[in-house]
C-alpha atoms as a PDB file:
ATOM      1  CA  UNK A   1      72.442  97.282  83.706  1.00  0.00           C
ATOM      2  CA  UNK A   2      74.307  93.808  83.975  1.00  0.00           C
ATOM      3  CA  UNK A   3      72.785  91.554  80.985  1.00  0.00           C
ATOM      4  CA  UNK A   4      72.637  95.552  79.295  1.00  0.00           C
ATOM      5  CA  UNK A   5      76.206  95.818  79.195  1.00  0.00           C
ATOM      6  CA  UNK A   6      76.754  99.334  79.634  1.00  0.00           C
ATOM      7  CA  UNK A   7      79.813 100.605  80.174  1.00  0.00           C
ATOM      8  CA  UNK A   8      78.077 104.730  80.886  1.00  0.00           C
ATOM      9  CA  UNK A   9      76.093 103.070  83.673  1.00  0.00           C
ATOM     10  CA  UNK A  10      78.919 101.343  85.325  1.00  0.00           C
ATOM     11  CA  UNK A  11      81.109 104.368  85.203  1.00  0.00           C
ATOM     12  CA  UNK A  12      78.361 106.180  87.098  1.00  0.00           C
ATOM     13  CA  UNK A  13      78.133 103.748  88.811  1.00  0.00           C
ATOM     14  CA  UNK A  14      81.326 103.573  89.995  1.00  0.00           C
ATOM     15  CA  UNK A  15      81.425 107.550  90.744  1.00  0.00           C
ATOM     16  CA  UNK A  16      78.404 106.202  92.974  1.00  0.00           C
ATOM     17  CA  UNK A  17      80.240 104.275  94.600  1.00  0.00           C
ATOM     18  CA  UNK A  18      83.340 106.199  95.055  1.00  0.00           C
ATOM     19  CA  UNK A  19      81.511 109.162  96.115  1.00  0.00           C
ATOM     20  CA  UNK A  20      80.674 106.575  99.709  1.00  0.00           C
ATOM     21  CA  UNK A  21      84.513 106.282 100.331  1.00  0.00           C
ATOM     22  CA  UNK A  22      86.542 107.908 102.580  1.00  0.00           C
ATOM     23  CA  UNK A  23      89.129 109.333 100.346  1.00  0.00           C
ATOM     24  CA  UNK A  24      91.823 109.945 102.401  1.00  0.00           C
ATOM     25  CA  UNK A  25      91.746 106.310 103.962  1.00  0.00           C
ATOM     26  CA  UNK A  26      91.327 104.387 100.489  1.00  0.00           C
ATOM     27  CA  UNK A  27      94.728 106.159  99.135  1.00  0.00           C
ATOM     28  CA  UNK A  28      96.529 103.468 101.428  1.00  0.00           C
ATOM     29  CA  UNK A  29      94.943 100.369  99.630  1.00  0.00           C
ATOM     30  CA  UNK A  30      97.925  99.256  97.988  1.00  0.00           C
ATOM     31  CA  UNK A  31      95.654  98.193  95.114  1.00  0.00           C
ATOM     32  CA  UNK A  32      91.928  97.571  93.584  1.00  0.00           C
ATOM     33  CA  UNK A  33      91.058  94.009  93.390  1.00  0.00           C
ATOM     34  CA  UNK A  34      87.629  92.758  92.350  1.00  0.00           C
ATOM     35  CA  UNK A  35      85.255  89.275  92.926  1.00  0.00           C
ATOM     36  CA  UNK A  36      85.168  88.134  89.476  1.00  0.00           C
ATOM     37  CA  UNK A  37      81.777  87.261  87.659  1.00  0.00           C
ATOM     38  CA  UNK A  38      80.931  84.083  87.218  1.00  0.00           C
ATOM     39  CA  UNK A  39      79.780  82.086  83.956  1.00  0.00           C
ATOM     40  CA  UNK A  40      77.058  84.962  83.260  1.00  0.00           C
ATOM     41  CA  UNK A  41      79.886  87.431  82.146  1.00  0.00           C
ATOM     42  CA  UNK A  42      81.323  85.097  79.701  1.00  0.00           C
ATOM     43  CA  UNK A  43      77.934  84.983  78.325  1.00  0.00           C
ATOM     44  CA  UNK A  44      77.597  88.689  78.179  1.00  0.00           C
ATOM     45  CA  UNK A  45      80.809  89.179  77.866  1.00  0.00           C
ATOM     46  CA  UNK A  46      81.011  91.517  80.434  1.00  0.00           C
ATOM     47  CA  UNK A  47      82.535  91.672  84.232  1.00  0.00           C
ATOM     48  CA  UNK A  48      80.535  94.320  85.727  1.00  0.00           C
ATOM     49  CA  UNK A  49      83.187  93.884  89.037  1.00  0.00           C
ATOM     50  CA  UNK A  50      85.812  94.344  86.915  1.00  0.00           C
ATOM     51  CA  UNK A  51      84.427  97.676  85.122  1.00  0.00           C
ATOM     52  CA  UNK A  52      83.813  99.259  88.643  1.00  0.00           C
ATOM     53  CA  UNK A  53      86.834  98.410  89.945  1.00  0.00           C
ATOM     54  CA  UNK A  54      88.777  99.911  87.054  1.00  0.00           C
ATOM     55  CA  UNK A  55      86.569 103.135  87.397  1.00  0.00           C
ATOM     56  CA  UNK A  56      86.627 102.780  91.415  1.00  0.00           C
ATOM     57  CA  UNK A  57      90.989 102.268  90.754  1.00  0.00           C
ATOM     58  CA  UNK A  58      91.654 105.246  87.998  1.00  0.00           C
ATOM     59  CA  UNK A  59      90.029 107.533  90.507  1.00  0.00           C
ATOM     60  CA  UNK A  60      92.132 106.538  93.752  1.00  0.00           C
ATOM     61  CA  UNK A  61      94.961 106.699  91.237  1.00  0.00           C
ATOM     62  CA  UNK A  62      95.774 103.093  92.118  1.00  0.00           C
ATOM     63  CA  UNK A  63      95.866  99.733  89.989  1.00  0.00           C
ATOM     64  CA  UNK A  64      93.397  97.624  89.524  1.00  0.00           C
ATOM     65  CA  UNK A  65      94.866  93.944  89.953  1.00  0.00           C
ATOM     66  CA  UNK A  66      93.068  91.032  88.821  1.00  0.00           C
ATOM     67  CA  UNK A  67      93.637  88.547  91.801  1.00  0.00           C
ATOM     68  CA  UNK A  68      91.072  86.154  91.542  1.00  0.00           C
ATOM     69  CA  UNK A  69      89.523  83.392  89.715  1.00  0.00           C
ATOM     70  CA  UNK A  70      86.277  82.000  90.519  1.00  0.00           C
ATOM     71  CA  UNK A  71      86.351  78.073  91.492  1.00  0.00           C
ATOM     72  CA  UNK A  72      82.708  77.555  92.110  1.00  0.00           C
ATOM     73  CA  UNK A  73      80.493  76.671  88.544  1.00  0.00           C
ATOM     74  CA  UNK A  74      77.229  77.047  89.959  1.00  0.00           C
ATOM     75  CA  UNK A  75      75.419  80.378  89.020  1.00  0.00           C
ATOM     76  CA  UNK A  76      74.819  82.497  92.292  1.00  0.00           C
ATOM     77  CA  UNK A  77      71.097  83.645  91.256  1.00  0.00           C
ATOM     78  CA  UNK A  78      70.291  80.147  91.602  1.00  0.00           C
ATOM     79  CA  UNK A  79      71.440  79.475  95.133  1.00  0.00           C
ATOM     80  CA  UNK A  80      70.233  80.168  98.705  1.00  0.00           C
ATOM     81  CA  UNK A  81      72.333  81.507 101.223  1.00  0.00           C
ATOM     82  CA  UNK A  82      73.790  77.980 102.332  1.00  0.00           C
ATOM     83  CA  UNK A  83      74.262  76.737  98.697  1.00  0.00           C
ATOM     84  CA  UNK A  84      76.603  79.908  98.360  1.00  0.00           C
ATOM     85  CA  UNK A  85      78.424  79.560 101.285  1.00  0.00           C
ATOM     86  CA  UNK A  86      79.361  75.671  99.980  1.00  0.00           C
ATOM     87  CA  UNK A  87      79.619  76.759  96.217  1.00  0.00           C
ATOM     88  CA  UNK A  88      81.092  80.410  96.310  1.00  0.00           C
ATOM     89  CA  UNK A  89      84.971  79.257  96.117  1.00  0.00           C
ATOM     90  CA  UNK A  90      88.043  81.307  95.096  1.00  0.00           C
ATOM     91  CA  UNK A  91      91.434  81.161  93.816  1.00  0.00           C
ATOM     92  CA  UNK A  92      94.080  83.867  94.074  1.00  0.00           C
ATOM     93  CA  UNK A  93      95.952  83.738  90.610  1.00  0.00           C
ATOM     94  CA  UNK A  94      99.691  83.338  90.212  1.00  0.00           C
ATOM     95  CA  UNK A  95     101.963  85.921  91.238  1.00  0.00           C
ATOM     96  CA  UNK A  96     100.580  88.132  93.260  1.00  0.00           C
ATOM     97  CA  UNK A  97     102.416  89.763  96.438  1.00  0.00           C
ATOM     98  CA  UNK A  98     100.528  91.885  98.559  1.00  0.00           C
ATOM     99  CA  UNK A  99     102.498  91.222 101.805  1.00  0.00           C
ATOM    100  CA  UNK A 100     101.705  94.201 104.286  1.00  0.00           C
ATOM    101  CA  UNK A 101      99.555  95.421 101.549  1.00  0.00           C
ATOM    102  CA  UNK A 102      95.401  96.320 102.096  1.00  0.00           C
ATOM    103  CA  UNK A 103      93.375  95.391  99.720  1.00  0.00           C
ATOM    104  CA  UNK A 104      90.271  97.278  98.391  1.00  0.00           C
ATOM    105  CA  UNK A 105      87.489  94.760  96.898  1.00  0.00           C
ATOM    106  CA  UNK A 106      85.096  95.844  94.694  1.00  0.00           C
ATOM    107  CA  UNK A 107      81.619  93.920  93.556  1.00  0.00           C
ATOM    108  CA  UNK A 108      78.698  95.394  92.248  1.00  0.00           C
ATOM    109  CA  UNK A 109      75.907  93.715  94.333  1.00  0.00           C
ATOM    110  CA  UNK A 110      76.111  91.761  98.021  1.00  0.00           C
ATOM    111  CA  UNK A 111      73.025  89.424  98.206  1.00  0.00           C
ATOM    112  CA  UNK A 112      74.029  87.370 100.679  1.00  0.00           C
ATOM    113  CA  UNK A 113      77.745  88.126 101.390  1.00  0.00           C
ATOM    114  CA  UNK A 114      79.157  84.715 100.380  1.00  0.00           C
ATOM    115  CA  UNK A 115      81.083  86.119  97.356  1.00  0.00           C
ATOM    116  CA  UNK A 116      82.691  89.164  99.557  1.00  0.00           C
ATOM    117  CA  UNK A 117      83.508  86.311 101.892  1.00  0.00           C
ATOM    118  CA  UNK A 118      85.104  84.031 100.083  1.00  0.00           C
ATOM    119  CA  UNK A 119      87.104  86.292  98.199  1.00  0.00           C
ATOM    120  CA  UNK A 120      88.769  88.136 101.027  1.00  0.00           C
ATOM    121  CA  UNK A 121      89.518  84.522 102.455  1.00  0.00           C
ATOM    122  CA  UNK A 122      90.898  83.524  99.210  1.00  0.00           C
ATOM    123  CA  UNK A 123      93.102  87.126  99.087  1.00  0.00           C
ATOM    124  CA  UNK A 124      93.895  86.642 102.848  1.00  0.00           C
ATOM    125  CA  UNK A 125      95.262  83.210 102.912  1.00  0.00           C
ATOM    126  CA  UNK A 126      97.293  84.332  99.849  1.00  0.00           C
ATOM    127  CA  UNK A 127      99.121  86.822 102.735  1.00  0.00           C
ATOM    128  CA  UNK A 128      97.190  90.182 101.726  1.00  0.00           C
ATOM    129  CA  UNK A 129      96.753  91.204 105.828  1.00  0.00           C
ATOM    130  CA  UNK A 130      93.829  93.838 105.184  1.00  0.00           C
ATOM    131  CA  UNK A 131      90.866  93.605 103.153  1.00  0.00           C
ATOM    132  CA  UNK A 132      87.825  96.078 102.672  1.00  0.00           C
ATOM    133  CA  UNK A 133      85.196  95.553 100.927  1.00  0.00           C
ATOM    134  CA  UNK A 134      83.126  98.347  98.963  1.00  0.00           C
ATOM    135  CA  UNK A 135      79.788  97.191  96.888  1.00  0.00           C
ATOM    136  CA  UNK A 136      77.572  99.441  94.609  1.00  0.00           C
ATOM    137  CA  UNK A 137      74.381  98.192  95.908  1.00  0.00           C
ATOM    138  CA  UNK A 138      72.975  95.125  98.640  1.00  0.00           C
ATOM    139  CA  UNK A 139      69.986  93.240  97.695  1.00  0.00           C
ATOM    140  CA  UNK A 140      66.878  92.486 100.362  1.00  0.00           C
ATOM    141  CA  UNK A 141      67.065  88.809 101.539  1.00  0.00           C
ATOM    142  CA  UNK A 142      63.634  87.031 101.808  1.00  0.00           C
ATOM    143  CA  UNK A 143      62.737  84.071 104.112  1.00  0.00           C
ATOM    144  CA  UNK A 144      60.431  81.747 103.736  1.00  0.00           C
ATOM    145  CA  UNK A 145      57.069  83.121 103.186  1.00  0.00           C
ATOM    146  CA  UNK A 146      58.485  86.122 101.917  1.00  0.00           C
ATOM    147  CA  UNK A 147      59.326  87.863 105.127  1.00  0.00           C
ATOM    148  CA  UNK A 148      61.645  90.685 104.824  1.00  0.00           C
ATOM    149  CA  UNK A 149      65.046  89.936 106.917  1.00  0.00           C
END
């Protein structure tokens, strides 16, 4: 789905994600934002997190706001958790006015949680008091010797 850049597949994924949200509570968000894709998105010409966030925002009748940019340069799938925690850093785009706002942060897949952690940290440091996250999928982590976590 990611590598194929199939917008229709992401609309279906967004509907599934929306079906798992508490819609009454979700309407209290001021805006929807996303974890920006890295270099791979530029290679594909497709930001899957943005596609999901735009669809979720539309369903909730909220604005999808591009609040973050990725400062790290490494490809995520090549890094272990420790390296992700050190390398995955985001900065907030200029002009974000979010005091007293709740933000819904959307990502397509969570592996270690590092991207969501650092994205929400950047938003909070920029003045967003409440950040909640929603992801479409979660991968299973594996320890050495292929033990499931």
